[in-house]
Amino acid sequence: MSDVAIQIRCQRCGTQMDMRDPGPGMPWTPDQFWVCNNCGRHFWTTYPPPAPKAKPAPEPGPAAS
């Protein structure tokens, strides 16, 4: 399975499904193809791209007196 935060279980057999898109090095597309390796069920989903990770807040500078 691709390294994404979205995980889906098959509604037919309950097995974790594999996302077959995007491929390695390919950009995230809004339509994703999911396949169950256990029973063969497959379907398309339309999820938005993952949100970028938040940058840590800058440390405050010295207090002015």
Protein backbone atom coordinates (compact mmCIF):
# COMPACT_ATOMS: atom_id res chain seq x y z
CA MET A 1 0.00 0.00 0.00
CA SER A 2 1.18 3.49 -0.70
CA ASP A 3 2.40 5.55 2.22
CA VAL A 4 -0.70 7.66 2.83
CA ALA A 5 -2.80 8.37 5.89
CA ILE A 6 -6.01 7.02 4.33
CA GLN A 7 -6.74 3.36 4.97
CA ILE A 8 -9.84 1.48 3.83
CA ARG A 9 -11.14 -1.95 4.79
CA CYS A 10 -13.07 -4.07 2.31
CA GLN A 11 -16.83 -3.96 2.95
CA ARG A 12 -17.14 -7.54 1.68
CA CYS A 13 -14.48 -9.38 3.72
CA GLY A 14 -12.94 -6.77 6.09
CA THR A 15 -9.39 -7.05 4.77
CA GLN A 16 -7.23 -3.92 4.49
CA MET A 17 -7.42 -2.69 0.87
CA ASP A 18 -4.47 -1.51 -1.23
CA MET A 19 -4.47 1.81 -3.03
CA ARG A 20 -3.13 1.31 -6.55
CA ASP A 21 -2.77 4.98 -7.36
CA PRO A 22 -0.69 7.13 -7.23
CA GLY A 23 2.27 5.12 -8.44
CA PRO A 24 5.78 5.67 -7.10
CA GLY A 25 6.95 9.19 -7.89
CA MET A 26 3.57 10.17 -9.36
CA PRO A 27 1.52 13.11 -8.06
CA TRP A 28 -1.59 12.48 -5.98
CA THR A 29 -4.70 12.47 -8.13
CA PRO A 30 -8.25 13.05 -6.84
CA ASP A 31 -9.44 9.61 -8.02
CA GLN A 32 -7.87 6.62 -6.30
CA PHE A 33 -8.27 2.95 -7.25
CA TRP A 34 -8.56 0.55 -4.30
CA VAL A 35 -8.23 -3.26 -4.54
CA CYS A 36 -8.84 -6.00 -1.96
CA ASN A 37 -6.12 -8.62 -2.30
CA ASN A 38 -8.27 -11.16 -0.45
CA CYS A 39 -11.58 -11.18 -2.35
CA GLY A 40 -10.81 -9.03 -5.40
CA ARG A 41 -13.32 -6.25 -4.70
CA HIS A 42 -12.28 -2.94 -6.22
CA PHE A 43 -13.62 0.58 -6.45
CA TRP A 44 -12.68 4.20 -7.15
CA THR A 45 -12.72 6.91 -4.49
CA THR A 46 -12.37 10.65 -4.78
CA TYR A 47 -10.36 11.99 -1.87
CA PRO A 48 -8.58 15.36 -1.87
CA PRO A 49 -4.78 15.34 -1.63
CA PRO A 50 -3.36 14.92 1.87
CA ALA A 51 -2.88 18.17 3.77
CA PRO A 52 0.75 19.29 4.07
CA LYS A 53 2.30 18.64 7.45
CA ALA A 54 2.25 21.67 9.73
CA LYS A 55 5.58 23.38 10.26
CA PRO A 56 6.68 23.79 13.87
CA ALA A 57 6.04 27.24 15.30
CA PRO A 58 9.15 29.44 15.44
CA GLU A 59 10.65 29.81 18.88
CA PRO A 60 10.01 33.21 20.44
CA GLY A 61 12.95 35.57 20.49
CA PRO A 62 14.29 37.24 23.64
CA ALA A 63 11.74 39.41 25.43
CA ALA A 64 12.19 43.13 24.92
CA SER A 65 12.41 45.20 28.11
